[in-house]
Every structure is written in C-alpha cells, then in structure tokens.
Amino acid sequence: MYRKKNSEWLKHLDFELLDIICMEIAFMLAYVLRHVGHEYYFPRMYMRLCIVLGVIDIAVLFFTNNYKGIIQRNKWQEIIATAKHITIVQVLLLIYEYMTQEAYLLSRTVFLVSWGCAIVLCFFSRCAWKKVIRRRVMAEKNQSSMLLITTEDRIVELTAKLRHKDYRDYKISAIYIERELADAKDNIIETDIPIIYGKNSLLEYVRQNVVDDVFIDVCNSKEQLTELSDIFLQMGIVVHIGMGYLPDNLPNAFIEKMGEADAITASINTATGWQLSIKRITDIIGAIVGLMITAIAFIFVAPAIKIASPGPVFFKQKRVGKNGRVFYIYKFRSMYMDAEERKKDLMKKNEMQGLMFKMENDPRIIGSEKGPGKGIGNFIRETSIDELPQFWNILKGDMSLIGTRPPTVNEYEQYDLHHKIRLSMKPGLTGMWQVSGRSDITDFEEVVRLDTEYIENWSIGMDIRILFKTIQVVLCKKGSK
C-alpha cells in the first residue's frame, strides 16, 4: 500500500496552524505592549481582527506556494519566505480595515509591532518544528527502502537525482543491473550502494530483504518492464517507473516527483495521508484502551500462568512486519517453556497446508495434559487473552489494530514471492482471515488470498467492519485453538 502525497496546503497543515497561532500571539502581544500601564481591555474590533487574521492567512495559502519545499529550506531562505508571507497577510489585513472604514481605529503601534513580532515568532517556530520533522523523516524506521533498476551509465545521474533532497522519506538500499556478475567483472562500479546482478539474484534479494519501493529507470523492452512490474506489484511492492516505456498493467497509477526524477507510481492500493493518519490515531487510542484492559487481565492471568508453568508471564518472539522488517511480538504465555523445541517433533501432525502451524489438542499448551481444552493455556487462547500484550506493539507502531498476522522468521524465510504481498501493510492484531472462520481454514494459500483481498480493497470502513466482527468472534469464542 502506497501513501499518496497530500496537496501542498494539506501536506503542511502543521506549519499552517503554527503560523496562525504565532500571528495571533504576536497580535495580542503587540496590543499588550501598546497599552502598558493601562487597564487591559481587548476591544471588540481587535477580537474581530484576530479572527480575520486567521481567515486571511488561510486564504493566502490557496494563492501562494509559501510552504513548498519548506523542509528543504535553509535559515536564510526561511527568513525571506516567512517575511514575505507575513507581509502579504498584514497588508491584506490593512486593506480589510480600510474597506470596512475602521483603519483610523487601528493603532499603528499595534499594527507595526505585531508585523515584526509575527515574523520573528513564525521564523523561530518554523525552524524548531523543522528540526523535529527532519529527525522524524530521516529516522531509519520511517524511511522506505527503495530498490533501483537501471544501467551502469545511468547510475551516477539517477542516484544524484533521487538523492537531490537532503531530507527524504526513502533510501536507496540496492541497485539492480540486468547482466550477470561474471560479465561485470571487467567494469566494477564504484558506489556506496550494493549492486545486484542477474534476475535470479534480484528475485532472491527482494524475497529475503526489506523492499518497500522499486524504481525502474530503464528496461530493454516493454515486455521486460511489464514482467518486472507484475512481479513486484503481486508482492505488494510500490513500483515507480521512469518516463520511458510504460506497461499496460499499472493499477492506481499517477505521476509524481522522486527527488528530481519524474516517475509513474503504481501500487496494489493507495491511501491518502489523511486516511493513514486516521488509522494511526485509531491505533493509538485503541492501544491505550487495550493496555488498560491488559493491566487488569495481568492481575488474574499472571498468577495462573506462574502456578501452572514456572517461567515468565510474557512470551516474546521475533516476527516479520511490513515488507520484511523484524520486530518482537509480545503475548501472555500460553505454552510451556520448551514449546519451540517440541514443535519440530510435532510438524508431522500439522493440520495446516503451507507455512503455518496448527494442531488440535496441541500438547505444548499449558495444562493440555488435563484433557482437550481444559488447561489454563487453552482458556487464555480460546478467549484471545494471550493477544492482549500486543497492544504495546500497536502503540509502538510495529503493528496496527487491523492488518495481516505477522509470520515468524522461519515461516518468512520459506515464503514464495507471491506470499510477500501479506507484508505490504503493517501487520495487525486482527484481520480479514481471523474473522473469516480461521479455525476452518487449513490452507495457507487461502490465508494469502484473504489477506490480499483485504489489502486490495482496504478502507477505513473495512477496518471498522473487521473490528466489530472481531469483537463478536472473541465474545463467541470462535476461531481460537
């Protein structure tokens, strides 16, 4: 899933709100300074001007590109841009006063001081907030990993274009050259980015490594381009294609700029920044509520686990998240301490066809020796209490409330190329196949099909439906074994 860039004024809504707040503060500060030693009374006219000031600022945004490239601007460029923006707003405010025949009531001191204060406050607040944004953008966990497909003679030019901006939300993780490595020994390319040679090496790299985006600069033919874009899109990877050959199989395609390079971008599905922000806000709220429930459950579950099976209350395991990123998942422990070792001997009894393990009356579950479904571990799993600590993963951002279940590292290493589409979205606490009778699903390919259906048709409304259906499933104790 690809996050579409918002329009310029929506993209920098945080800076817009910051400017309005600073201008309002400057205006009120100027009024206070003008009336030092007098009784502070904010006349109705000045209160109205505070409102008009905000409206004018919003109106100016529709006719100027004041925030375009704001993250890339240095301090000198920023002071000029800030002064220009504030001046336009203040002049329009003066014109408004003139048109309403109230200009004579407006104190020149208030007007001029607020003008200067607004420039200073807006400039310093913009610079401070930019530092926060830049740190966040450049953090490795927030950068997408891009694979570049090009030729030897284009590497230097294209990487320079893609790296043109100092602060980018992507990094070039590898470069693919079509010819085989044996043919390239006479022409070693000097670059700080790993070079991949040959189609087999390319597919193995994509299968085993984190790849969020692929930028296809050149191909020998339209057929080759179509083949490659098909492979990547079926894995849920976002495809950017240079303005050369264009295949006919690009879903959700649009033109955008990657650094200084123009490209056609296509993805299995796209979402606006607003949609993903709503999803993240929902995750945070849900995680906070969930952690409160987890704390209450801990009071009762922890002693029961400790009595039945000495050892840690929580189970920690490496799982694979979005596009191959590894993280630790947390659960209440419902199995004995040697569960992973015993799993190797139980694989022949696996009821799941494919890369998942499921077994009726699993002897690794705490208390299973008492009989089918009678152990404390069975109760924890049947009621889905074991999943509660994953709200911590959701709060951290490793997972989402709704998504696809994250595979273990061992399962992921056995994935075929088309299985990786499950990882094109952030993994979830629950998802499509969990509420589609997961106890009755014994074929991993059916899990992949349901997860693909979810990713291709994702919407906020779909997440809400799955969330409510999950509550119903949990309350009815359906689907957990």
Protein backbone atom coordinates (compact mmCIF):
# COMPACT_ATOMS: atom_id res chain seq x y z
CA MET A 1 0.00 0.00 0.00
CA TYR A 2 1.35 3.40 -1.01
CA ARG A 3 0.82 6.61 0.90
CA LYS A 4 -0.19 9.28 -1.61
CA LYS A 5 1.18 12.74 -1.02
CA ASN A 6 -1.38 15.33 0.08
CA SER A 7 -1.90 18.59 -1.77
CA GLU A 8 0.64 21.22 -0.73
CA TRP A 9 -1.57 23.06 1.76
CA LEU A 10 -2.83 19.85 3.37
CA LYS A 11 0.67 18.37 3.37
CA HIS A 12 1.95 21.15 5.65
CA LEU A 13 -1.13 21.73 7.78
CA ASP A 14 1.06 21.60 10.89
CA PHE A 15 3.09 24.62 9.70
CA GLU A 16 -0.09 26.45 8.73
CA LEU A 17 -1.59 26.04 12.21
CA LEU A 18 1.74 27.02 13.77
CA ASP A 19 1.85 30.25 11.73
CA ILE A 20 -1.71 31.20 12.68
CA ILE A 21 -1.00 30.61 16.38
CA CYS A 22 2.20 32.69 16.20
CA MET A 23 0.45 35.56 14.37
CA GLU A 24 -2.37 35.60 16.89
CA ILE A 25 0.13 35.66 19.77
CA ALA A 26 2.08 38.46 18.06
CA PHE A 27 -1.09 40.49 17.55
CA MET A 28 -2.21 40.18 21.18
CA LEU A 29 1.35 40.79 22.44
CA ALA A 30 1.54 43.99 20.39
CA TYR A 31 -1.74 45.17 21.88
CA VAL A 32 -0.49 44.50 25.43
CA LEU A 33 2.80 46.35 24.78
CA ARG A 34 0.91 49.30 23.34
CA HIS A 35 -1.27 49.57 26.46
CA VAL A 36 1.37 49.04 29.19
CA GLY A 37 0.21 50.82 32.36
CA HIS A 38 -3.40 50.93 31.21
CA GLU A 39 -6.29 48.68 32.05
CA TYR A 40 -6.16 45.74 29.69
CA TYR A 41 -9.39 45.58 27.77
CA PHE A 42 -9.45 43.83 24.42
CA PRO A 43 -11.96 45.82 22.30
CA ARG A 44 -14.44 44.01 20.08
CA MET A 45 -12.69 45.36 16.97
CA TYR A 46 -9.39 43.72 17.94
CA MET A 47 -11.15 40.47 18.77
CA ARG A 48 -12.72 40.53 15.31
CA LEU A 49 -9.33 41.28 13.74
CA CYS A 50 -7.86 38.18 15.41
CA ILE A 51 -10.47 36.07 13.60
CA VAL A 52 -9.99 37.93 10.32
CA LEU A 53 -6.23 37.46 10.61
CA GLY A 54 -6.63 33.68 10.67
CA VAL A 55 -9.10 33.70 7.76
CA ILE A 56 -6.77 35.87 5.65
CA ASP A 57 -3.83 33.55 6.37
CA ILE A 58 -5.83 30.51 5.20
CA ALA A 59 -6.97 32.41 2.08
CA VAL A 60 -3.37 33.37 1.23
CA LEU A 61 -2.38 29.69 1.28
CA PHE A 62 -4.66 28.96 -1.67
CA PHE A 63 -2.89 31.52 -3.88
CA THR A 64 0.76 31.12 -2.82
CA ASN A 65 3.28 28.30 -2.53
CA ASN A 66 4.65 29.53 0.76
CA TYR A 67 5.16 26.04 2.20
CA LYS A 68 6.51 24.36 -0.94
CA GLY A 69 9.89 22.81 -0.12
CA ILE A 70 9.78 24.14 3.45
CA ILE A 71 11.58 21.10 4.88
CA GLN A 72 14.49 21.62 2.47
CA ARG A 73 14.88 25.39 3.02
CA ASN A 74 17.86 26.72 4.99
CA LYS A 75 17.56 29.51 7.58
CA TRP A 76 18.20 32.37 5.16
CA GLN A 77 15.64 31.07 2.70
CA GLU A 78 13.21 30.57 5.58
CA ILE A 79 13.51 34.12 6.93
CA ILE A 80 12.81 35.51 3.45
CA ALA A 81 9.83 33.19 2.91
CA THR A 82 8.45 33.96 6.38
CA ALA A 83 8.80 37.73 5.96
CA LYS A 84 7.12 37.56 2.56
CA HIS A 85 4.18 35.51 3.87
CA ILE A 86 3.60 37.64 6.97
CA THR A 87 3.85 40.85 4.93
CA ILE A 88 1.17 39.68 2.49
CA VAL A 89 -1.15 38.76 5.38
CA GLN A 90 -0.57 42.06 7.22
CA VAL A 91 -1.11 44.16 4.07
CA LEU A 92 -4.36 42.33 3.36
CA LEU A 93 -5.41 42.92 6.97
CA LEU A 94 -4.78 46.66 6.48
CA ILE A 95 -6.80 46.63 3.25
CA TYR A 96 -9.63 44.93 5.13
CA GLU A 97 -9.57 47.69 7.78
CA TYR A 98 -9.60 50.33 5.07
CA MET A 99 -12.56 48.73 3.25
CA THR A 100 -14.54 48.49 6.50
CA GLN A 101 -13.66 52.13 7.29
CA GLU A 102 -12.06 51.17 10.60
CA ALA A 103 -8.43 51.87 9.66
CA TYR A 104 -8.37 55.00 11.82
CA LEU A 105 -9.22 52.88 14.88
CA LEU A 106 -6.31 50.50 14.40
CA SER A 107 -3.25 51.56 16.39
CA ARG A 108 -0.20 51.98 14.16
CA THR A 109 1.96 50.70 17.01
CA VAL A 110 -0.13 47.54 17.33
CA PHE A 111 -0.01 47.02 13.56
CA LEU A 112 3.75 47.51 13.14
CA VAL A 113 4.80 45.66 16.32
CA SER A 114 2.55 42.70 15.50
CA TRP A 115 4.05 42.65 11.99
CA GLY A 116 7.61 42.40 13.32
CA CYS A 117 6.77 40.03 16.16
CA ALA A 118 4.89 37.72 13.80
CA ILE A 119 7.92 37.41 11.51
CA VAL A 120 10.21 36.60 14.45
CA LEU A 121 7.84 34.14 16.13
CA CYS A 122 6.89 32.38 12.90
CA PHE A 123 10.52 32.10 11.81
CA PHE A 124 11.78 30.55 15.04
CA SER A 125 8.77 28.26 15.44
CA ARG A 126 9.14 27.04 11.85
CA CYS A 127 12.86 26.32 12.36
CA ALA A 128 12.20 24.48 15.61
CA TRP A 129 9.41 22.37 14.12
CA LYS A 130 11.50 21.63 11.03
CA LYS A 131 14.18 20.09 13.24
CA VAL A 132 11.56 17.75 14.69
CA ILE A 133 10.21 16.83 11.23
CA ARG A 134 13.68 16.29 9.77
CA ARG A 135 14.68 13.99 12.62
CA ARG A 136 11.49 12.02 12.16
CA VAL A 137 11.82 11.79 8.36
CA MET A 138 15.47 10.71 8.49
CA ALA A 139 14.93 8.09 11.20
CA GLU A 140 15.67 4.71 9.65
CA LYS A 141 12.39 3.16 10.79
CA ASN A 142 10.44 5.92 8.98
CA GLN A 143 12.30 5.66 5.67
CA SER A 144 11.09 3.32 2.96
CA SER A 145 13.68 1.02 1.36
CA MET A 146 13.96 1.51 -2.42
CA LEU A 147 15.46 -0.84 -5.00
CA LEU A 148 16.73 0.92 -8.14
CA ILE A 149 16.75 -0.81 -11.54
CA THR A 150 18.95 0.96 -14.08
CA THR A 151 22.11 0.62 -16.21
CA GLU A 152 25.77 1.32 -15.46
CA ASP A 153 25.85 4.55 -17.43
CA ARG A 154 22.75 5.90 -15.65
CA ILE A 155 23.64 5.06 -12.02
CA VAL A 156 25.50 8.26 -11.13
CA GLU A 157 22.96 10.60 -12.75
CA LEU A 158 19.89 8.83 -11.38
CA THR A 159 21.12 8.35 -7.81
CA ALA A 160 22.09 12.05 -7.75
CA LYS A 161 18.55 12.98 -8.81
CA LEU A 162 16.91 10.66 -6.29
CA ARG A 163 19.18 11.96 -3.52
CA HIS A 164 18.83 15.59 -4.55
CA LYS A 165 16.79 16.49 -1.48
CA ASP A 166 18.63 16.44 1.83
CA TYR A 167 15.60 15.16 3.74
CA ARG A 168 13.86 12.23 2.05
CA ASP A 169 11.37 9.63 3.25
CA TYR A 170 13.17 6.89 1.30
CA LYS A 171 16.66 5.44 0.95
CA ILE A 172 18.20 3.51 -1.96
CA SER A 173 19.03 0.11 -0.47
CA ALA A 174 20.29 -1.66 -3.62
CA ILE A 175 20.77 -1.25 -7.39
CA TYR A 176 19.96 -3.95 -9.93
CA ILE A 177 21.92 -4.35 -13.18
CA GLU A 178 20.46 -6.90 -15.58
CA ARG A 179 23.63 -8.60 -16.79
CA GLU A 180 25.24 -11.42 -14.83
CA LEU A 181 28.01 -10.76 -12.29
CA ALA A 182 30.53 -12.79 -14.34
CA ASP A 183 30.06 -10.36 -17.23
CA ALA A 184 30.58 -7.35 -14.96
CA LYS A 185 33.99 -8.12 -13.52
CA ASP A 186 35.72 -6.01 -16.14
CA ASN A 187 33.65 -2.98 -15.20
CA ILE A 188 33.37 -2.64 -11.42
CA ILE A 189 31.03 0.23 -10.50
CA GLU A 190 32.15 2.41 -7.62
CA THR A 191 29.16 3.24 -5.45
CA ASP A 192 28.18 3.14 -1.77
CA ILE A 193 25.06 1.14 -2.64
CA PRO A 194 25.07 -2.69 -3.05
CA ILE A 195 24.86 -3.82 -6.71
CA ILE A 196 22.78 -6.86 -7.73
CA TYR A 197 23.48 -8.71 -11.00
CA GLY A 198 21.16 -11.17 -12.72
CA LYS A 199 17.41 -11.78 -12.47
CA ASN A 200 17.69 -14.74 -10.05
CA SER A 201 19.77 -12.69 -7.63
CA LEU A 202 17.23 -9.85 -7.93
CA LEU A 203 14.25 -12.05 -7.02
CA GLU A 204 16.12 -13.66 -4.12
CA TYR A 205 17.13 -10.23 -2.78
CA VAL A 206 13.53 -8.98 -2.91
CA ARG A 207 12.27 -12.17 -1.23
CA GLN A 208 14.76 -12.02 1.64
CA ASN A 209 15.18 -8.27 2.25
CA VAL A 210 13.09 -5.23 3.14
CA VAL A 211 11.91 -3.63 -0.11
CA ASP A 212 9.10 -1.07 0.03
CA ASP A 213 9.54 0.57 -3.40
CA VAL A 214 11.14 -0.27 -6.72
CA PHE A 215 12.25 2.48 -9.13
CA ILE A 216 12.51 1.07 -12.66
CA ASP A 217 14.57 3.53 -14.65
CA VAL A 218 15.19 1.57 -17.85
CA CYS A 219 14.41 -1.85 -19.33
CA ASN A 220 15.37 -3.48 -22.60
CA SER A 221 11.76 -3.83 -23.72
CA LYS A 222 8.19 -3.12 -22.76
CA GLU A 223 7.69 -6.87 -22.23
CA GLN A 224 10.51 -6.97 -19.70
CA LEU A 225 9.11 -3.93 -17.92
CA THR A 226 5.65 -5.50 -17.80
CA GLU A 227 7.09 -8.74 -16.39
CA LEU A 228 9.06 -6.98 -13.65
CA SER A 229 6.25 -4.63 -12.65
CA ASP A 230 3.88 -7.64 -12.46
CA ILE A 231 6.24 -9.48 -10.12
CA PHE A 232 6.67 -6.53 -7.78
CA LEU A 233 3.02 -5.47 -7.71
CA GLN A 234 1.92 -9.02 -6.90
CA MET A 235 4.25 -8.87 -3.90
CA GLY A 236 2.59 -5.65 -2.73
CA ILE A 237 5.68 -3.56 -3.54
CA VAL A 238 5.16 0.00 -4.81
CA VAL A 239 6.51 0.49 -8.36
CA HIS A 240 7.89 3.78 -9.71
CA ILE A 241 8.61 3.80 -13.44
CA GLY A 242 10.81 6.34 -15.21
CA MET A 243 9.26 8.17 -18.13
CA GLY A 244 10.29 5.69 -20.81
CA TYR A 245 8.38 2.51 -21.66
CA LEU A 246 5.05 2.33 -19.87
CA PRO A 247 3.36 -1.07 -19.36
CA ASP A 248 -0.41 -1.50 -19.54
CA ASN A 249 -0.77 -3.21 -16.15
CA LEU A 250 -0.37 -0.37 -13.65
CA PRO A 251 -3.17 -0.15 -11.03
CA ASN A 252 -3.74 3.13 -9.16
CA ALA A 253 -1.06 4.88 -11.28
CA PHE A 254 -0.18 8.58 -11.02
CA ILE A 255 2.77 10.86 -11.81
CA GLU A 256 4.97 12.21 -9.04
CA LYS A 257 8.46 13.52 -8.36
CA MET A 258 11.10 11.36 -6.63
CA GLY A 259 13.81 13.85 -5.72
CA GLU A 260 14.47 15.47 -9.10
CA ALA A 261 13.34 12.43 -11.12
CA ASP A 262 9.84 12.17 -12.62
CA ALA A 263 8.13 8.78 -12.39
CA ILE A 264 4.85 6.94 -12.85
CA THR A 265 3.96 5.35 -9.50
CA ALA A 266 1.70 2.30 -9.16
CA SER A 267 0.69 0.17 -6.18
CA ILE A 268 -1.73 -2.62 -5.33
CA ASN A 269 -3.63 0.04 -3.38
CA THR A 270 -3.11 3.64 -2.32
CA ALA A 271 -4.18 5.70 0.67
CA THR A 272 -4.09 9.40 1.37
CA GLY A 273 -2.11 10.83 4.25
CA TRP A 274 -5.40 11.64 5.98
CA GLN A 275 -6.63 8.05 5.75
CA LEU A 276 -3.41 6.65 7.20
CA SER A 277 -3.38 9.35 9.89
CA ILE A 278 -6.90 8.35 10.94
CA LYS A 279 -5.80 4.71 11.00
CA ARG A 280 -2.79 5.56 13.18
CA ILE A 281 -4.81 7.75 15.56
CA THR A 282 -7.34 4.91 15.90
CA ASP A 283 -4.46 2.53 16.64
CA ILE A 284 -3.10 4.78 19.38
CA ILE A 285 -6.50 5.24 21.04
CA GLY A 286 -7.24 1.52 20.75
CA ALA A 287 -3.79 0.62 22.12
CA ILE A 288 -4.21 2.86 25.18
CA VAL A 289 -7.61 1.34 25.97
CA GLY A 290 -6.24 -2.13 25.25
CA LEU A 291 -3.27 -1.67 27.59
CA MET A 292 -5.65 -0.69 30.39
CA ILE A 293 -7.55 -3.94 29.82
CA THR A 294 -4.21 -5.80 29.69
CA ALA A 295 -3.20 -4.37 33.07
CA ILE A 296 -6.45 -5.62 34.61
CA ALA A 297 -6.08 -9.04 32.95
CA PHE A 298 -2.48 -9.28 34.22
CA ILE A 299 -3.68 -9.27 37.84
CA PHE A 300 -5.55 -12.56 37.27
CA VAL A 301 -3.67 -14.20 34.39
CA ALA A 302 -0.09 -13.78 35.69
CA PRO A 303 -0.57 -15.85 38.89
CA ALA A 304 -2.44 -18.56 36.95
CA ILE A 305 0.39 -18.90 34.43
CA LYS A 306 3.07 -18.90 37.14
CA ILE A 307 1.31 -21.63 39.15
CA ALA A 308 0.68 -23.87 36.13
CA SER A 309 4.07 -23.36 34.48
CA PRO A 310 7.00 -21.64 36.24
CA GLY A 311 8.66 -19.11 33.99
CA PRO A 312 7.99 -15.65 32.50
CA VAL A 313 4.41 -14.42 32.20
CA PHE A 314 5.06 -12.83 28.84
CA PHE A 315 6.21 -14.58 25.67
CA LYS A 316 8.49 -12.65 23.32
CA GLN A 317 9.21 -13.77 19.76
CA LYS A 318 10.71 -12.32 16.60
CA ARG A 319 8.10 -11.70 13.92
CA VAL A 320 8.30 -10.20 10.44
CA GLY A 321 6.41 -6.97 9.79
CA LYS A 322 5.90 -4.59 6.90
CA ASN A 323 7.93 -5.62 3.85
CA GLY A 324 10.29 -7.79 5.90
CA ARG A 325 11.07 -5.64 8.95
CA VAL A 326 11.74 -7.76 12.02
CA PHE A 327 10.30 -6.86 15.43
CA TYR A 328 9.48 -8.57 18.74
CA ILE A 329 5.87 -9.51 19.37
CA TYR A 330 4.54 -9.87 22.94
CA LYS A 331 1.90 -12.25 24.28
CA PHE A 332 0.74 -13.74 27.56
CA ARG A 333 2.48 -17.11 27.64
CA SER A 334 0.01 -19.91 26.94
CA MET A 335 2.56 -22.66 26.17
CA TYR A 336 5.25 -24.48 28.09
CA MET A 337 8.78 -23.07 28.01
CA ASP A 338 10.07 -25.73 25.58
CA ALA A 339 7.23 -25.20 23.06
CA GLU A 340 9.50 -24.18 20.17
CA GLU A 341 11.74 -27.26 20.58
CA ARG A 342 8.73 -29.59 20.76
CA LYS A 343 7.23 -28.02 17.64
CA LYS A 344 9.89 -29.68 15.47
CA ASP A 345 8.69 -33.12 16.53
CA LEU A 346 5.03 -32.16 16.03
CA MET A 347 5.37 -30.80 12.46
CA LYS A 348 4.18 -34.14 11.03
CA LYS A 349 0.85 -33.53 12.80
CA ASN A 350 0.44 -30.04 11.37
CA GLU A 351 -3.17 -29.56 10.20
CA MET A 352 -2.26 -26.50 8.11
CA GLN A 353 -1.24 -26.87 4.49
CA GLY A 354 1.62 -24.45 3.95
CA LEU A 355 3.67 -22.07 6.04
CA MET A 356 1.68 -22.01 9.29
CA PHE A 357 1.36 -24.47 12.16
CA LYS A 358 -1.93 -25.53 13.73
CA MET A 359 -2.77 -28.65 15.70
CA GLU A 360 -5.86 -29.91 17.50
CA ASN A 361 -5.16 -30.53 21.21
CA ASP A 362 -1.65 -29.13 20.97
CA PRO A 363 0.38 -30.76 23.83
CA ARG A 364 2.59 -27.68 24.12
CA ILE A 365 -0.27 -25.67 25.62
CA ILE A 366 -0.12 -25.19 29.41
CA GLY A 367 -2.45 -27.67 31.14
CA SER A 368 -3.24 -29.64 27.95
CA GLU A 369 -2.46 -32.90 29.80
CA LYS A 370 -5.74 -32.40 31.73
CA GLY A 371 -7.69 -33.07 28.56
CA PRO A 372 -8.73 -31.27 25.36
CA GLY A 373 -9.49 -27.63 26.12
CA LYS A 374 -9.17 -27.96 29.92
CA GLY A 375 -5.83 -26.24 30.55
CA ILE A 376 -5.28 -22.63 31.58
CA GLY A 377 -3.40 -22.19 28.31
CA ASN A 378 -6.46 -23.35 26.38
CA PHE A 379 -8.63 -20.83 28.22
CA ILE A 380 -6.16 -18.00 27.52
CA ARG A 381 -6.10 -18.86 23.81
CA GLU A 382 -9.82 -19.50 23.39
CA THR A 383 -10.65 -16.11 24.92
CA SER A 384 -7.78 -14.43 22.99
CA ILE A 385 -6.39 -13.08 26.27
CA ASP A 386 -2.91 -14.13 25.08
CA GLU A 387 -3.07 -11.45 22.38
CA LEU A 388 -3.63 -8.52 24.77
CA PRO A 389 0.06 -7.54 25.25
CA GLN A 390 0.25 -6.85 21.51
CA PHE A 391 -1.42 -3.52 22.22
CA TRP A 392 2.10 -2.47 23.24
CA ASN A 393 3.29 -3.40 19.71
CA ILE A 394 0.45 -1.29 18.31
CA LEU A 395 1.32 1.70 20.48
CA LYS A 396 4.98 1.45 19.39
CA GLY A 397 3.94 1.37 15.73
CA ASP A 398 5.19 -2.13 14.91
CA MET A 399 1.60 -3.29 14.40
CA SER A 400 -1.89 -1.95 13.75
CA LEU A 401 -5.27 -2.92 15.17
CA ILE A 402 -6.31 -4.30 11.76
CA GLY A 403 -3.92 -5.87 9.29
CA THR A 404 -2.39 -9.24 8.40
CA ARG A 405 -0.92 -11.56 11.02
CA PRO A 406 2.90 -11.34 11.15
CA PRO A 407 4.74 -14.57 10.29
CA THR A 408 7.62 -15.99 12.30
CA VAL A 409 11.11 -15.55 10.88
CA ASN A 410 11.25 -19.24 9.99
CA GLU A 411 7.95 -19.06 8.09
CA TYR A 412 9.03 -15.89 6.30
CA GLU A 413 12.28 -17.48 5.12
CA GLN A 414 10.21 -20.14 3.31
CA TYR A 415 7.91 -17.65 1.58
CA ASP A 416 7.48 -17.73 -2.18
CA LEU A 417 7.48 -14.36 -3.95
CA HIS A 418 3.68 -14.02 -4.08
CA HIS A 419 3.38 -14.66 -0.32
CA LYS A 420 5.19 -11.40 0.42
CA ILE A 421 2.10 -9.40 -0.54
CA ARG A 422 0.84 -10.20 3.00
CA LEU A 423 3.58 -7.92 4.31
CA SER A 424 2.80 -4.89 2.13
CA MET A 425 0.81 -3.42 5.03
CA LYS A 426 1.64 -3.13 8.70
CA PRO A 427 0.67 -6.38 10.49
CA GLY A 428 -2.43 -6.34 12.66
CA LEU A 429 -3.84 -7.72 15.90
CA THR A 430 -6.77 -8.97 13.84
CA GLY A 431 -7.67 -9.05 10.17
CA MET A 432 -9.72 -10.48 7.34
CA TRP A 433 -8.89 -14.17 7.75
CA GLN A 434 -9.16 -14.07 11.54
CA VAL A 435 -12.84 -13.12 11.26
CA SER A 436 -13.49 -15.45 8.31
CA GLY A 437 -13.54 -18.73 10.23
CA ARG A 438 -9.81 -19.16 10.82
CA SER A 439 -10.31 -22.49 12.63
CA ASP A 440 -11.82 -23.92 9.46
CA ILE A 441 -9.05 -22.60 7.17
CA THR A 442 -6.35 -25.23 6.73
CA ASP A 443 -4.69 -23.96 3.54
CA PHE A 444 -2.11 -21.18 3.81
CA GLU A 445 -2.89 -20.11 0.23
CA GLU A 446 -6.43 -19.31 1.39
CA VAL A 447 -4.94 -17.10 4.13
CA VAL A 448 -2.88 -15.31 1.47
CA ARG A 449 -5.98 -14.88 -0.69
CA LEU A 450 -7.97 -13.31 2.14
CA ASP A 451 -5.09 -11.04 3.14
CA THR A 452 -4.66 -9.96 -0.49
CA GLU A 453 -8.37 -9.21 -0.72
CA TYR A 454 -8.07 -7.03 2.39
CA ILE A 455 -5.05 -5.10 1.08
CA GLU A 456 -6.51 -4.55 -2.39
CA ASN A 457 -9.81 -3.25 -1.02
CA TRP A 458 -8.61 -1.54 2.16
CA SER A 459 -10.58 1.40 3.51
CA ILE A 460 -11.36 2.94 6.90
CA GLY A 461 -14.86 1.49 6.62
CA MET A 462 -13.48 -2.02 6.07
CA ASP A 463 -11.29 -1.70 9.18
CA ILE A 464 -14.31 -0.66 11.25
CA ARG A 465 -16.32 -3.65 9.99
CA ILE A 466 -13.48 -6.08 10.79
CA LEU A 467 -13.04 -4.51 14.24
CA PHE A 468 -16.70 -5.01 15.17
CA LYS A 469 -16.69 -8.52 13.71
CA THR A 470 -13.58 -9.32 15.77
CA ILE A 471 -15.38 -8.30 18.96
CA GLN A 472 -18.23 -10.64 18.02
CA VAL A 473 -15.83 -13.51 17.25
CA VAL A 474 -13.95 -13.05 20.55
CA LEU A 475 -17.13 -12.86 22.64
CA CYS A 476 -18.44 -16.03 20.98
CA LYS A 477 -15.00 -17.71 21.38
CA LYS A 478 -14.86 -18.58 17.69
CA GLY A 479 -11.71 -19.33 15.80
CA SER A 480 -9.07 -19.75 18.53
CA LYS A 481 -7.31 -23.06 19.00
